[in-house]
Amino acid sequence: VISFMSEFGVNNLDKAVLMENLNNELKSDPEFASEFMAERDARQKCIKDVIRLGIRQGVMKKDLDADMAGAILFAMVSGMYQHWAVNRARIDGEQFVRMARRIFMEGVKS
């Protein structure tokens, strides 16, 4: 998920910035807020399903709470994406993604 979002942003910068601005507009407009939230919930469910699959396949820890991990990853990716979109001139997108993926998958503890 992290890799897909970042690759999309790096390769489609204009579309990524447009999506970010459009997301901000849609979620604040009462006419579109419910549709926006339904789409957002569907994306978050997809992330949770991927984590559940990873748990079943033994790629992720069995005691991991897929719902909580999915919510955290979704928030992390959304925040990362917004941060990178605003600061893309100062942040190396590829390095940013590698570090985020490393922190999520391995943690920061030595």
N, C-alpha and C. Protein backbone atom coordinates (compact mmCIF):
# COMPACT_ATOMS: atom_id res chain seq x y z
N VAL A 1 0.83 -1.19 0.00
CA VAL A 1 0.00 0.00 0.00
C VAL A 1 0.87 1.24 0.00
N ILE A 2 1.88 1.24 0.88
CA ILE A 2 2.78 2.39 0.94
C ILE A 2 3.48 2.56 -0.40
N SER A 3 4.00 1.46 -0.95
CA SER A 3 4.72 1.53 -2.22
C SER A 3 3.81 2.01 -3.35
N PHE A 4 2.59 1.48 -3.41
CA PHE A 4 1.67 1.87 -4.49
C PHE A 4 1.38 3.36 -4.43
N MET A 5 1.02 3.86 -3.26
CA MET A 5 0.67 5.28 -3.13
C MET A 5 1.84 6.18 -3.49
N SER A 6 3.02 5.81 -3.03
CA SER A 6 4.17 6.66 -3.30
C SER A 6 4.57 6.59 -4.76
N GLU A 7 4.52 5.41 -5.35
CA GLU A 7 4.85 5.29 -6.77
C GLU A 7 3.87 6.10 -7.61
N PHE A 8 2.60 6.03 -7.25
CA PHE A 8 1.59 6.82 -7.96
C PHE A 8 1.92 8.31 -7.84
N GLY A 9 2.25 8.76 -6.65
CA GLY A 9 2.55 10.17 -6.43
C GLY A 9 3.77 10.64 -7.19
N VAL A 10 4.81 9.83 -7.19
CA VAL A 10 6.05 10.20 -7.88
C VAL A 10 5.84 10.23 -9.39
N ASN A 11 5.12 9.25 -9.92
CA ASN A 11 4.95 9.14 -11.37
C ASN A 11 3.80 9.97 -11.93
N ASN A 12 2.91 10.44 -11.06
CA ASN A 12 1.73 11.21 -11.49
C ASN A 12 1.55 12.43 -10.60
N LEU A 13 2.57 13.25 -10.52
CA LEU A 13 2.59 14.36 -9.57
C LEU A 13 1.36 15.26 -9.70
N ASP A 14 1.03 15.66 -10.93
CA ASP A 14 -0.12 16.55 -11.12
C ASP A 14 -1.41 15.90 -10.63
N LYS A 15 -1.60 14.62 -10.93
CA LYS A 15 -2.80 13.90 -10.49
C LYS A 15 -2.82 13.75 -8.98
N ALA A 16 -1.64 13.51 -8.39
CA ALA A 16 -1.56 13.34 -6.93
C ALA A 16 -1.95 14.63 -6.21
N VAL A 17 -1.45 15.76 -6.70
CA VAL A 17 -1.79 17.04 -6.08
C VAL A 17 -3.28 17.34 -6.29
N LEU A 18 -3.79 17.05 -7.48
CA LEU A 18 -5.22 17.24 -7.74
C LEU A 18 -6.05 16.37 -6.81
N MET A 19 -5.66 15.09 -6.64
CA MET A 19 -6.40 14.20 -5.75
C MET A 19 -6.41 14.72 -4.33
N GLU A 20 -5.27 15.21 -3.87
CA GLU A 20 -5.18 15.73 -2.51
C GLU A 20 -6.12 16.92 -2.33
N ASN A 21 -6.10 17.84 -3.28
CA ASN A 21 -6.99 19.01 -3.19
C ASN A 21 -8.45 18.61 -3.31
N LEU A 22 -8.74 17.69 -4.21
CA LEU A 22 -10.11 17.23 -4.39
C LEU A 22 -10.62 16.52 -3.14
N ASN A 23 -9.78 15.69 -2.53
CA ASN A 23 -10.16 15.02 -1.29
C ASN A 23 -10.53 16.02 -0.21
N ASN A 24 -9.73 17.05 -0.07
CA ASN A 24 -10.01 18.07 0.94
C ASN A 24 -11.34 18.78 0.66
N GLU A 25 -11.62 19.06 -0.59
CA GLU A 25 -12.89 19.72 -0.95
C GLU A 25 -14.08 18.79 -0.71
N LEU A 26 -13.97 17.54 -1.16
CA LEU A 26 -15.11 16.62 -1.06
C LEU A 26 -15.48 16.30 0.38
N LYS A 27 -14.47 16.10 1.23
CA LYS A 27 -14.81 15.73 2.60
C LYS A 27 -15.41 16.90 3.38
N SER A 28 -15.24 18.12 2.89
CA SER A 28 -15.81 19.26 3.60
C SER A 28 -17.15 19.70 3.01
N ASP A 29 -17.55 19.10 1.89
CA ASP A 29 -18.82 19.46 1.25
C ASP A 29 -19.90 18.48 1.69
N PRO A 30 -20.95 18.96 2.38
CA PRO A 30 -22.00 18.06 2.88
C PRO A 30 -22.64 17.19 1.79
N GLU A 31 -22.68 17.71 0.57
CA GLU A 31 -23.29 16.96 -0.53
C GLU A 31 -22.49 15.69 -0.87
N PHE A 32 -21.18 15.75 -0.69
CA PHE A 32 -20.31 14.64 -1.07
C PHE A 32 -19.69 13.92 0.13
N ALA A 33 -19.88 14.44 1.33
CA ALA A 33 -19.20 13.88 2.51
C ALA A 33 -19.50 12.40 2.72
N SER A 34 -20.75 12.00 2.58
CA SER A 34 -21.08 10.59 2.82
C SER A 34 -20.45 9.68 1.76
N GLU A 35 -20.45 10.12 0.51
CA GLU A 35 -19.80 9.33 -0.55
C GLU A 35 -18.30 9.27 -0.33
N PHE A 36 -17.73 10.38 0.08
CA PHE A 36 -16.29 10.43 0.36
C PHE A 36 -15.94 9.45 1.48
N MET A 37 -16.73 9.46 2.54
CA MET A 37 -16.46 8.57 3.67
C MET A 37 -16.65 7.10 3.28
N ALA A 38 -17.64 6.81 2.44
CA ALA A 38 -17.85 5.42 2.00
C ALA A 38 -16.65 4.94 1.19
N GLU A 39 -16.13 5.78 0.33
CA GLU A 39 -14.96 5.43 -0.47
C GLU A 39 -13.74 5.26 0.43
N ARG A 40 -13.60 6.15 1.39
CA ARG A 40 -12.49 6.08 2.34
C ARG A 40 -12.57 4.79 3.16
N ASP A 41 -13.77 4.44 3.61
CA ASP A 41 -13.96 3.20 4.37
C ASP A 41 -13.61 1.98 3.52
N ALA A 42 -13.95 2.02 2.24
CA ALA A 42 -13.63 0.90 1.35
C ALA A 42 -12.12 0.74 1.19
N ARG A 43 -11.40 1.86 1.07
CA ARG A 43 -9.92 1.79 0.96
C ARG A 43 -9.33 1.24 2.25
N GLN A 44 -9.85 1.67 3.39
CA GLN A 44 -9.34 1.20 4.66
C GLN A 44 -9.64 -0.30 4.84
N LYS A 45 -10.80 -0.75 4.41
CA LYS A 45 -11.13 -2.18 4.48
C LYS A 45 -10.17 -3.00 3.64
N CYS A 46 -9.82 -2.49 2.48
CA CYS A 46 -8.87 -3.18 1.60
C CYS A 46 -7.53 -3.37 2.32
N ILE A 47 -7.05 -2.34 2.99
CA ILE A 47 -5.80 -2.43 3.73
C ILE A 47 -5.92 -3.47 4.84
N LYS A 48 -7.02 -3.46 5.56
CA LYS A 48 -7.23 -4.43 6.64
C LYS A 48 -7.27 -5.85 6.08
N ASP A 49 -7.90 -6.02 4.93
CA ASP A 49 -7.96 -7.34 4.30
C ASP A 49 -6.57 -7.84 3.90
N VAL A 50 -5.74 -6.95 3.41
CA VAL A 50 -4.36 -7.32 3.05
C VAL A 50 -3.60 -7.75 4.30
N ILE A 51 -3.79 -7.03 5.40
CA ILE A 51 -3.13 -7.39 6.65
C ILE A 51 -3.63 -8.75 7.15
N ARG A 52 -4.93 -8.98 7.08
CA ARG A 52 -5.48 -10.29 7.48
C ARG A 52 -4.86 -11.41 6.64
N LEU A 53 -4.73 -11.18 5.35
CA LEU A 53 -4.11 -12.17 4.47
C LEU A 53 -2.66 -12.40 4.88
N GLY A 54 -1.94 -11.33 5.19
CA GLY A 54 -0.56 -11.46 5.65
C GLY A 54 -0.44 -12.27 6.93
N ILE A 55 -1.40 -12.10 7.82
CA ILE A 55 -1.42 -12.86 9.07
C ILE A 55 -1.67 -14.34 8.76
N ARG A 56 -2.65 -14.61 7.92
CA ARG A 56 -2.96 -16.01 7.56
C ARG A 56 -1.79 -16.70 6.86
N GLN A 57 -1.07 -15.94 6.05
CA GLN A 57 0.05 -16.52 5.30
C GLN A 57 1.35 -16.56 6.13
N GLY A 58 1.30 -16.03 7.34
CA GLY A 58 2.48 -16.05 8.20
C GLY A 58 3.49 -14.97 7.91
N VAL A 59 3.13 -14.00 7.11
CA VAL A 59 4.02 -12.89 6.78
C VAL A 59 4.00 -11.84 7.90
N MET A 60 2.90 -11.76 8.59
CA MET A 60 2.75 -10.83 9.71
C MET A 60 2.44 -11.62 10.97
N LYS A 61 2.73 -11.01 12.10
CA LYS A 61 2.55 -11.68 13.39
C LYS A 61 1.11 -12.09 13.61
N LYS A 62 0.93 -13.29 14.17
CA LYS A 62 -0.41 -13.84 14.39
C LYS A 62 -1.20 -13.05 15.43
N ASP A 63 -0.53 -12.41 16.39
CA ASP A 63 -1.25 -11.68 17.43
C ASP A 63 -1.54 -10.23 17.04
N LEU A 64 -1.26 -9.88 15.79
CA LEU A 64 -1.52 -8.54 15.30
C LEU A 64 -3.02 -8.32 15.13
N ASP A 65 -3.54 -7.22 15.62
CA ASP A 65 -4.94 -6.85 15.44
C ASP A 65 -5.07 -6.20 14.06
N ALA A 66 -5.64 -6.93 13.11
CA ALA A 66 -5.71 -6.46 11.72
C ALA A 66 -6.50 -5.16 11.59
N ASP A 67 -7.58 -5.03 12.37
CA ASP A 67 -8.37 -3.80 12.28
C ASP A 67 -7.58 -2.60 12.77
N MET A 68 -6.91 -2.75 13.90
CA MET A 68 -6.13 -1.64 14.45
C MET A 68 -4.93 -1.34 13.56
N ALA A 69 -4.23 -2.38 13.12
CA ALA A 69 -3.06 -2.19 12.25
C ALA A 69 -3.49 -1.53 10.94
N GLY A 70 -4.64 -1.94 10.41
CA GLY A 70 -5.14 -1.33 9.17
C GLY A 70 -5.47 0.13 9.35
N ALA A 71 -6.09 0.46 10.47
CA ALA A 71 -6.41 1.87 10.75
C ALA A 71 -5.14 2.70 10.89
N ILE A 72 -4.15 2.15 11.57
CA ILE A 72 -2.88 2.87 11.75
C ILE A 72 -2.17 3.04 10.42
N LEU A 73 -2.10 1.96 9.64
CA LEU A 73 -1.43 2.05 8.34
C LEU A 73 -2.15 3.04 7.43
N PHE A 74 -3.48 3.00 7.43
CA PHE A 74 -4.24 3.93 6.60
C PHE A 74 -3.94 5.37 7.00
N ALA A 75 -3.94 5.64 8.29
CA ALA A 75 -3.65 7.00 8.78
C ALA A 75 -2.22 7.39 8.44
N MET A 76 -1.32 6.44 8.59
CA MET A 76 0.09 6.71 8.31
C MET A 76 0.29 7.04 6.82
N VAL A 77 -0.29 6.21 5.95
CA VAL A 77 -0.14 6.43 4.52
C VAL A 77 -0.81 7.74 4.10
N SER A 78 -1.99 8.00 4.61
CA SER A 78 -2.69 9.25 4.27
C SER A 78 -1.88 10.46 4.71
N GLY A 79 -1.39 10.42 5.94
CA GLY A 79 -0.58 11.52 6.45
C GLY A 79 0.73 11.68 5.69
N MET A 80 1.36 10.55 5.39
CA MET A 80 2.61 10.58 4.61
C MET A 80 2.38 11.22 3.26
N TYR A 81 1.31 10.77 2.63
CA TYR A 81 1.00 11.25 1.28
C TYR A 81 0.75 12.75 1.29
N GLN A 82 -0.02 13.22 2.26
CA GLN A 82 -0.28 14.65 2.37
C GLN A 82 1.00 15.42 2.65
N HIS A 83 1.81 14.89 3.57
CA HIS A 83 3.06 15.56 3.92
C HIS A 83 3.99 15.64 2.71
N TRP A 84 4.11 14.53 1.99
CA TRP A 84 4.98 14.53 0.83
C TRP A 84 4.46 15.46 -0.26
N ALA A 85 3.14 15.48 -0.49
CA ALA A 85 2.57 16.34 -1.54
C ALA A 85 2.89 17.80 -1.27
N VAL A 86 2.86 18.21 -0.02
CA VAL A 86 3.14 19.59 0.34
C VAL A 86 4.64 19.89 0.31
N ASN A 87 5.46 18.91 0.67
CA ASN A 87 6.90 19.12 0.82
C ASN A 87 7.74 18.40 -0.23
N ARG A 88 7.14 18.06 -1.37
CA ARG A 88 7.83 17.22 -2.34
C ARG A 88 9.13 17.83 -2.88
N ALA A 89 9.26 19.13 -2.84
CA ALA A 89 10.50 19.76 -3.32
C ALA A 89 11.66 19.54 -2.34
N ARG A 90 11.32 19.24 -1.08
CA ARG A 90 12.36 19.08 -0.06
C ARG A 90 12.56 17.65 0.39
N ILE A 91 11.68 16.74 -0.02
CA ILE A 91 11.74 15.35 0.45
C ILE A 91 11.93 14.42 -0.73
N ASP A 92 12.92 13.56 -0.63
CA ASP A 92 13.13 12.52 -1.63
C ASP A 92 12.04 11.47 -1.44
N GLY A 93 11.10 11.40 -2.37
CA GLY A 93 9.95 10.51 -2.25
C GLY A 93 10.33 9.06 -2.08
N GLU A 94 11.33 8.60 -2.83
CA GLU A 94 11.74 7.20 -2.74
C GLU A 94 12.32 6.87 -1.38
N GLN A 95 13.17 7.74 -0.86
CA GLN A 95 13.75 7.53 0.47
C GLN A 95 12.66 7.60 1.55
N PHE A 96 11.74 8.52 1.38
CA PHE A 96 10.63 8.69 2.32
C PHE A 96 9.82 7.41 2.43
N VAL A 97 9.52 6.81 1.28
CA VAL A 97 8.73 5.58 1.25
C VAL A 97 9.50 4.41 1.84
N ARG A 98 10.76 4.29 1.48
CA ARG A 98 11.56 3.18 2.02
C ARG A 98 11.60 3.23 3.54
N MET A 99 11.80 4.43 4.10
CA MET A 99 11.87 4.56 5.54
C MET A 99 10.52 4.27 6.19
N ALA A 100 9.44 4.75 5.60
CA ALA A 100 8.10 4.48 6.15
C ALA A 100 7.81 2.99 6.15
N ARG A 101 8.13 2.33 5.05
CA ARG A 101 7.90 0.88 4.96
C ARG A 101 8.74 0.15 6.00
N ARG A 102 9.98 0.57 6.15
CA ARG A 102 10.87 -0.06 7.14
C ARG A 102 10.35 0.12 8.56
N ILE A 103 9.92 1.32 8.87
CA ILE A 103 9.39 1.59 10.22
C ILE A 103 8.14 0.77 10.47
N PHE A 104 7.24 0.71 9.48
CA PHE A 104 6.01 -0.05 9.68
C PHE A 104 6.28 -1.54 9.81
N MET A 105 7.14 -2.08 8.96
CA MET A 105 7.37 -3.53 8.95
C MET A 105 8.36 -3.99 10.01
N GLU A 106 9.33 -3.15 10.37
CA GLU A 106 10.38 -3.59 11.30
C GLU A 106 10.38 -2.84 12.63
N GLY A 107 9.72 -1.69 12.67
CA GLY A 107 9.75 -0.88 13.88
C GLY A 107 11.00 -0.02 13.94
N VAL A 108 11.18 0.67 15.05
CA VAL A 108 12.32 1.57 15.20
C VAL A 108 13.26 1.10 16.32
N LYS A 109 12.86 0.08 17.02
CA LYS A 109 13.64 -0.44 18.14
C LYS A 109 14.88 -1.17 17.62
N SER A 110 16.03 -0.96 18.30
CA SER A 110 17.25 -1.64 17.86
C SER A 110 17.36 -3.04 18.43
